N, C-alpha and C. Protein backbone atom coordinates (compact mmCIF):
# COMPACT_ATOMS: atom_id res chain seq x y z
N GLN A 1 204.16 -7.07 -47.51
CA GLN A 1 203.87 -8.49 -47.51
C GLN A 1 204.85 -9.22 -48.42
N VAL A 2 205.22 -10.39 -48.01
CA VAL A 2 206.10 -11.23 -48.80
C VAL A 2 205.45 -12.60 -48.94
N GLN A 3 205.40 -13.08 -50.15
CA GLN A 3 204.96 -14.45 -50.38
C GLN A 3 206.16 -15.26 -50.86
N LEU A 4 206.32 -16.44 -50.29
CA LEU A 4 207.45 -17.30 -50.61
C LEU A 4 206.96 -18.62 -51.17
N VAL A 5 207.59 -19.06 -52.25
CA VAL A 5 207.22 -20.33 -52.86
C VAL A 5 208.49 -21.16 -53.07
N GLU A 6 208.56 -22.29 -52.37
CA GLU A 6 209.71 -23.18 -52.53
C GLU A 6 209.48 -24.14 -53.68
N SER A 7 210.57 -24.57 -54.28
CA SER A 7 210.52 -25.58 -55.33
C SER A 7 211.86 -26.31 -55.38
N GLY A 8 211.90 -27.39 -56.13
CA GLY A 8 213.15 -28.11 -56.31
C GLY A 8 213.29 -29.38 -55.50
N GLY A 9 212.31 -29.63 -54.63
CA GLY A 9 212.38 -30.86 -53.86
C GLY A 9 212.11 -32.08 -54.73
N GLY A 10 212.29 -33.25 -54.15
CA GLY A 10 212.04 -34.48 -54.88
C GLY A 10 212.67 -35.67 -54.21
N LEU A 11 212.71 -36.76 -54.95
CA LEU A 11 213.29 -38.02 -54.46
C LEU A 11 214.69 -38.18 -55.06
N VAL A 12 215.65 -38.45 -54.20
CA VAL A 12 217.03 -38.60 -54.66
C VAL A 12 217.68 -39.72 -53.86
N GLN A 13 218.65 -40.38 -54.46
CA GLN A 13 219.38 -41.43 -53.75
C GLN A 13 220.42 -40.83 -52.82
N ALA A 14 220.77 -41.57 -51.81
CA ALA A 14 221.82 -41.12 -50.90
C ALA A 14 223.10 -40.82 -51.68
N GLY A 15 223.73 -39.71 -51.33
CA GLY A 15 224.92 -39.26 -52.04
C GLY A 15 224.62 -38.29 -53.17
N GLY A 16 223.34 -38.16 -53.49
CA GLY A 16 222.95 -37.28 -54.58
C GLY A 16 222.84 -35.83 -54.16
N SER A 17 222.37 -35.02 -55.10
CA SER A 17 222.30 -33.57 -54.89
C SER A 17 220.95 -33.03 -55.34
N LEU A 18 220.56 -31.93 -54.71
CA LEU A 18 219.37 -31.19 -55.11
C LEU A 18 219.64 -29.71 -54.86
N ARG A 19 218.96 -28.86 -55.60
CA ARG A 19 218.99 -27.43 -55.31
C ARG A 19 217.57 -26.93 -55.14
N LEU A 20 217.31 -26.42 -53.96
CA LEU A 20 216.00 -25.85 -53.67
C LEU A 20 216.01 -24.36 -54.01
N SER A 21 214.86 -23.88 -54.45
CA SER A 21 214.68 -22.46 -54.72
C SER A 21 213.56 -21.91 -53.87
N CYS A 22 213.67 -20.64 -53.55
CA CYS A 22 212.65 -19.93 -52.78
C CYS A 22 212.36 -18.63 -53.51
N ALA A 23 211.27 -18.60 -54.25
CA ALA A 23 210.90 -17.42 -55.02
C ALA A 23 210.04 -16.50 -54.16
N ALA A 24 210.45 -15.23 -54.09
CA ALA A 24 209.75 -14.27 -53.23
C ALA A 24 209.07 -13.19 -54.04
N SER A 25 207.94 -12.74 -53.54
CA SER A 25 207.27 -11.58 -54.14
C SER A 25 207.50 -10.39 -53.24
N GLY A 26 207.41 -9.18 -53.79
CA GLY A 26 207.53 -7.99 -52.97
C GLY A 26 208.96 -7.51 -52.84
N ARG A 27 209.11 -6.29 -52.31
CA ARG A 27 210.42 -5.66 -52.21
C ARG A 27 211.16 -6.02 -50.93
N THR A 28 210.44 -6.57 -49.98
CA THR A 28 211.05 -6.81 -48.67
C THR A 28 212.17 -7.84 -48.72
N PHE A 29 212.05 -8.81 -49.59
CA PHE A 29 212.97 -9.93 -49.60
C PHE A 29 214.42 -9.47 -49.70
N SER A 30 214.71 -8.56 -50.61
CA SER A 30 216.10 -8.20 -50.87
C SER A 30 216.75 -7.45 -49.71
N SER A 31 215.96 -6.91 -48.79
CA SER A 31 216.52 -6.14 -47.68
C SER A 31 216.56 -6.92 -46.37
N ARG A 32 216.17 -8.18 -46.40
CA ARG A 32 216.11 -8.96 -45.17
C ARG A 32 216.96 -10.22 -45.28
N ALA A 33 217.42 -10.68 -44.15
CA ALA A 33 218.02 -12.00 -44.10
C ALA A 33 216.96 -13.06 -44.39
N MET A 34 217.41 -14.20 -44.84
CA MET A 34 216.49 -15.31 -45.05
C MET A 34 217.13 -16.59 -44.54
N ALA A 35 216.31 -17.60 -44.39
CA ALA A 35 216.81 -18.86 -43.86
C ALA A 35 216.04 -20.03 -44.44
N TRP A 36 216.63 -21.19 -44.27
CA TRP A 36 215.96 -22.46 -44.57
C TRP A 36 215.83 -23.26 -43.27
N PHE A 37 214.67 -23.83 -43.10
CA PHE A 37 214.40 -24.75 -42.00
C PHE A 37 213.89 -26.06 -42.60
N ARG A 38 213.86 -27.09 -41.80
CA ARG A 38 213.30 -28.35 -42.27
C ARG A 38 212.58 -29.07 -41.13
N GLN A 39 211.62 -29.89 -41.53
CA GLN A 39 210.88 -30.67 -40.54
C GLN A 39 210.76 -32.11 -41.03
N ALA A 40 211.40 -33.00 -40.31
CA ALA A 40 211.34 -34.43 -40.63
C ALA A 40 210.08 -35.03 -39.99
N PRO A 41 209.62 -36.15 -40.51
CA PRO A 41 208.42 -36.78 -39.95
C PRO A 41 208.57 -37.05 -38.46
N GLY A 42 207.59 -36.60 -37.69
CA GLY A 42 207.58 -36.84 -36.26
C GLY A 42 208.55 -35.99 -35.47
N LYS A 43 209.18 -35.02 -36.11
CA LYS A 43 210.17 -34.19 -35.41
C LYS A 43 209.80 -32.72 -35.49
N GLU A 44 210.43 -31.93 -34.63
CA GLU A 44 210.23 -30.49 -34.65
C GLU A 44 210.94 -29.89 -35.86
N ARG A 45 210.42 -28.74 -36.30
CA ARG A 45 211.10 -28.01 -37.36
C ARG A 45 212.42 -27.48 -36.83
N GLU A 46 213.47 -27.58 -37.65
CA GLU A 46 214.80 -27.18 -37.20
C GLU A 46 215.49 -26.29 -38.21
N PHE A 47 216.41 -25.50 -37.71
CA PHE A 47 217.20 -24.59 -38.53
C PHE A 47 218.16 -25.37 -39.41
N VAL A 48 218.32 -24.89 -40.64
CA VAL A 48 219.27 -25.49 -41.57
C VAL A 48 220.37 -24.50 -41.93
N ALA A 49 219.98 -23.30 -42.43
CA ALA A 49 220.97 -22.33 -42.87
C ALA A 49 220.33 -20.96 -42.94
N ALA A 50 221.16 -19.93 -42.84
CA ALA A 50 220.69 -18.55 -42.94
C ALA A 50 221.70 -17.73 -43.72
N ILE A 51 221.23 -16.64 -44.30
CA ILE A 51 222.09 -15.75 -45.08
C ILE A 51 221.60 -14.32 -44.91
N THR A 52 222.54 -13.38 -44.82
CA THR A 52 222.16 -11.98 -44.71
C THR A 52 221.59 -11.46 -46.03
N SER A 53 221.06 -10.26 -46.00
CA SER A 53 220.42 -9.69 -47.20
C SER A 53 221.41 -9.54 -48.34
N THR A 54 222.66 -9.23 -48.02
CA THR A 54 223.67 -9.06 -49.06
C THR A 54 224.40 -10.34 -49.42
N GLY A 55 224.17 -11.37 -48.63
CA GLY A 55 224.89 -12.62 -48.84
C GLY A 55 226.26 -12.64 -48.21
N GLY A 56 226.59 -11.61 -47.45
CA GLY A 56 227.94 -11.51 -46.90
C GLY A 56 228.23 -12.39 -45.71
N ARG A 57 227.17 -12.88 -45.10
CA ARG A 57 227.35 -13.75 -43.93
C ARG A 57 226.35 -14.88 -44.00
N THR A 58 226.81 -16.06 -43.63
CA THR A 58 225.95 -17.24 -43.62
C THR A 58 226.14 -18.01 -42.33
N ALA A 59 225.20 -18.87 -42.05
CA ALA A 59 225.29 -19.76 -40.90
C ALA A 59 224.66 -21.10 -41.27
N TYR A 60 225.18 -22.17 -40.69
CA TYR A 60 224.68 -23.50 -41.00
C TYR A 60 224.53 -24.32 -39.73
N ALA A 61 223.56 -25.21 -39.75
CA ALA A 61 223.47 -26.21 -38.70
C ALA A 61 224.65 -27.16 -38.84
N ASP A 62 225.13 -27.66 -37.73
CA ASP A 62 226.29 -28.56 -37.78
C ASP A 62 226.04 -29.78 -38.67
N SER A 63 224.81 -30.23 -38.70
CA SER A 63 224.48 -31.44 -39.44
C SER A 63 224.60 -31.28 -40.96
N VAL A 64 224.65 -30.03 -41.44
CA VAL A 64 224.70 -29.81 -42.89
C VAL A 64 225.96 -29.08 -43.34
N LYS A 65 226.79 -28.67 -42.39
CA LYS A 65 228.01 -27.94 -42.74
C LYS A 65 228.88 -28.77 -43.68
N GLY A 66 229.37 -28.11 -44.71
CA GLY A 66 230.22 -28.79 -45.68
C GLY A 66 229.46 -29.51 -46.77
N ARG A 67 228.14 -29.66 -46.59
CA ARG A 67 227.33 -30.35 -47.59
C ARG A 67 226.31 -29.42 -48.26
N PHE A 68 225.78 -28.48 -47.49
CA PHE A 68 224.75 -27.56 -48.00
C PHE A 68 225.35 -26.17 -48.17
N THR A 69 224.84 -25.43 -49.15
CA THR A 69 225.24 -24.04 -49.36
C THR A 69 224.00 -23.19 -49.58
N ILE A 70 223.89 -22.15 -48.78
CA ILE A 70 222.79 -21.20 -48.95
C ILE A 70 223.30 -20.02 -49.78
N SER A 71 222.43 -19.53 -50.66
CA SER A 71 222.79 -18.38 -51.49
C SER A 71 221.52 -17.64 -51.86
N ARG A 72 221.69 -16.50 -52.50
CA ARG A 72 220.53 -15.73 -52.94
C ARG A 72 220.90 -14.87 -54.14
N ASP A 73 219.89 -14.54 -54.91
CA ASP A 73 220.03 -13.63 -56.04
C ASP A 73 218.93 -12.59 -55.88
N ASN A 74 219.29 -11.46 -55.32
CA ASN A 74 218.27 -10.44 -55.04
C ASN A 74 217.69 -9.84 -56.31
N ALA A 75 218.43 -9.86 -57.39
CA ALA A 75 217.89 -9.36 -58.66
C ALA A 75 216.73 -10.24 -59.13
N LYS A 76 216.78 -11.51 -58.74
CA LYS A 76 215.71 -12.44 -59.11
C LYS A 76 214.74 -12.67 -57.96
N ASN A 77 214.99 -12.01 -56.84
CA ASN A 77 214.13 -12.21 -55.66
C ASN A 77 214.04 -13.69 -55.29
N THR A 78 215.15 -14.36 -55.33
CA THR A 78 215.15 -15.80 -55.11
C THR A 78 216.30 -16.22 -54.20
N GLY A 79 215.98 -17.13 -53.29
CA GLY A 79 216.99 -17.74 -52.45
C GLY A 79 217.17 -19.19 -52.85
N TYR A 80 218.33 -19.74 -52.49
CA TYR A 80 218.64 -21.11 -52.91
C TYR A 80 219.25 -21.89 -51.75
N LEU A 81 219.09 -23.19 -51.82
CA LEU A 81 219.79 -24.09 -50.91
C LEU A 81 220.31 -25.24 -51.77
N SER A 82 221.62 -25.28 -51.97
CA SER A 82 222.25 -26.36 -52.72
C SER A 82 222.65 -27.45 -51.73
N MET A 83 222.22 -28.65 -52.02
CA MET A 83 222.44 -29.76 -51.09
C MET A 83 223.20 -30.87 -51.80
N ASN A 84 224.34 -31.20 -51.26
CA ASN A 84 225.18 -32.27 -51.81
C ASN A 84 225.35 -33.37 -50.77
N SER A 85 225.81 -34.52 -51.23
CA SER A 85 226.06 -35.66 -50.34
C SER A 85 224.87 -35.92 -49.43
N LEU A 86 223.71 -35.94 -50.02
CA LEU A 86 222.50 -36.11 -49.23
C LEU A 86 222.45 -37.46 -48.55
N LYS A 87 221.86 -37.45 -47.36
CA LYS A 87 221.75 -38.65 -46.54
C LYS A 87 220.28 -38.94 -46.27
N PRO A 88 219.92 -40.16 -45.98
CA PRO A 88 218.51 -40.46 -45.66
C PRO A 88 217.98 -39.60 -44.52
N GLU A 89 218.83 -39.24 -43.58
CA GLU A 89 218.37 -38.41 -42.47
C GLU A 89 218.10 -36.96 -42.87
N ASP A 90 218.41 -36.59 -44.10
CA ASP A 90 218.03 -35.26 -44.60
C ASP A 90 216.59 -35.23 -45.09
N THR A 91 215.94 -36.37 -45.14
CA THR A 91 214.54 -36.42 -45.57
C THR A 91 213.68 -35.54 -44.68
N ALA A 92 212.97 -34.59 -45.30
CA ALA A 92 212.17 -33.63 -44.55
C ALA A 92 211.43 -32.72 -45.52
N VAL A 93 210.52 -31.95 -44.97
CA VAL A 93 209.93 -30.83 -45.71
C VAL A 93 210.80 -29.61 -45.41
N PHE A 94 211.26 -28.95 -46.45
CA PHE A 94 212.14 -27.80 -46.32
C PHE A 94 211.34 -26.52 -46.55
N PHE A 95 211.53 -25.56 -45.64
CA PHE A 95 210.83 -24.29 -45.69
C PHE A 95 211.83 -23.15 -45.79
N CYS A 96 211.49 -22.12 -46.57
CA CYS A 96 212.28 -20.90 -46.52
C CYS A 96 211.50 -19.86 -45.73
N ALA A 97 212.23 -18.91 -45.18
CA ALA A 97 211.62 -17.90 -44.33
C ALA A 97 212.41 -16.60 -44.43
N VAL A 98 211.73 -15.49 -44.20
CA VAL A 98 212.34 -14.17 -44.25
C VAL A 98 212.35 -13.56 -42.85
N TYR A 99 213.49 -12.98 -42.48
CA TYR A 99 213.68 -12.41 -41.15
C TYR A 99 212.74 -11.22 -40.91
N LYS A 100 212.34 -11.05 -39.64
CA LYS A 100 211.37 -10.00 -39.30
C LYS A 100 211.90 -8.60 -39.48
N TYR A 101 213.17 -8.39 -39.18
CA TYR A 101 213.70 -7.03 -39.10
C TYR A 101 214.78 -6.80 -40.14
N LEU A 102 215.13 -5.51 -40.32
CA LEU A 102 216.13 -5.17 -41.33
C LEU A 102 217.51 -5.71 -40.98
N ARG A 103 217.87 -5.63 -39.69
CA ARG A 103 219.19 -6.07 -39.28
C ARG A 103 219.07 -7.34 -38.43
N PRO A 104 219.67 -8.43 -38.87
CA PRO A 104 219.55 -9.67 -38.11
C PRO A 104 220.41 -9.64 -36.84
N ASN A 105 219.90 -10.27 -35.82
CA ASN A 105 220.67 -10.50 -34.60
C ASN A 105 221.29 -11.88 -34.74
N TYR A 106 222.59 -11.94 -34.92
CA TYR A 106 223.24 -13.21 -35.21
C TYR A 106 223.21 -14.17 -34.03
N ASP A 107 222.89 -13.67 -32.86
CA ASP A 107 222.76 -14.56 -31.69
C ASP A 107 221.48 -15.38 -31.72
N VAL A 108 220.47 -14.89 -32.47
CA VAL A 108 219.17 -15.56 -32.44
C VAL A 108 218.65 -15.92 -33.81
N TRP A 109 219.41 -15.69 -34.86
CA TRP A 109 218.83 -15.84 -36.17
C TRP A 109 218.66 -17.29 -36.61
N GLU A 110 218.96 -18.22 -35.70
CA GLU A 110 218.65 -19.62 -35.95
C GLU A 110 217.29 -20.01 -35.35
N ARG A 111 216.66 -19.08 -34.69
CA ARG A 111 215.35 -19.34 -34.08
C ARG A 111 214.23 -19.06 -35.06
N GLN A 112 213.19 -19.86 -34.98
CA GLN A 112 212.07 -19.72 -35.91
C GLN A 112 211.27 -18.45 -35.64
N ASP A 113 211.20 -18.01 -34.41
CA ASP A 113 210.32 -16.90 -34.06
C ASP A 113 210.84 -15.54 -34.51
N VAL A 114 212.02 -15.49 -35.12
CA VAL A 114 212.50 -14.21 -35.65
C VAL A 114 212.23 -14.09 -37.15
N TYR A 115 211.51 -15.05 -37.69
CA TYR A 115 211.13 -15.03 -39.10
C TYR A 115 209.61 -14.89 -39.18
N ASP A 116 209.13 -13.96 -39.99
CA ASP A 116 207.69 -13.74 -40.02
C ASP A 116 207.03 -14.09 -41.34
N TYR A 117 207.79 -14.44 -42.36
CA TYR A 117 207.21 -14.90 -43.62
C TYR A 117 207.77 -16.28 -43.92
N TRP A 118 206.87 -17.19 -44.28
CA TRP A 118 207.23 -18.57 -44.51
C TRP A 118 206.60 -19.09 -45.80
N GLY A 119 207.32 -19.98 -46.46
CA GLY A 119 206.74 -20.66 -47.61
C GLY A 119 205.95 -21.88 -47.16
N GLN A 120 205.39 -22.58 -48.13
CA GLN A 120 204.55 -23.74 -47.82
C GLN A 120 205.36 -25.03 -47.68
N GLY A 121 206.61 -24.98 -48.11
CA GLY A 121 207.50 -26.13 -47.97
C GLY A 121 207.60 -26.97 -49.23
N THR A 122 208.72 -27.66 -49.35
CA THR A 122 208.93 -28.59 -50.45
C THR A 122 209.55 -29.86 -49.88
N GLN A 123 209.04 -31.00 -50.33
CA GLN A 123 209.46 -32.28 -49.76
C GLN A 123 210.77 -32.75 -50.40
N VAL A 124 211.69 -33.15 -49.55
CA VAL A 124 212.93 -33.78 -49.99
C VAL A 124 212.98 -35.17 -49.37
N THR A 125 213.11 -36.17 -50.22
CA THR A 125 213.19 -37.56 -49.76
C THR A 125 214.48 -38.18 -50.28
N VAL A 126 215.28 -38.69 -49.36
CA VAL A 126 216.55 -39.31 -49.71
C VAL A 126 216.47 -40.80 -49.41
N SER A 127 216.61 -41.59 -50.45
CA SER A 127 216.53 -43.04 -50.28
C SER A 127 217.91 -43.63 -50.04
N SER A 128 217.94 -44.71 -49.28
CA SER A 128 219.23 -45.35 -48.97
C SER A 128 219.61 -46.41 -49.99
């Protein structure tokens, strides 16, 4: 079992920065890929970024490329999402998730259904 707790959200002005954290319990976290998703008001939850267990490979949604960076510290059982140049359209609840299997399939690892552990989310609000 893995429990995930996100933190670091808040209210920030456009152009500002935030760093989200995803603290995990259990041993599974360090051996699995993880990802960040977000859900804006009235919209479907969408993929933001993913990272392999070792951090050797990452993927980003086009809307955040060049602005967001996903990382992890397995010694601390924690994942991170650093967000720069924030825009009002980044306003959403951000969720972290852990991949179901040991080896990620890079063709599908942007899909929500390949992640089986989820946090409760942290709100990010970007004012204009």
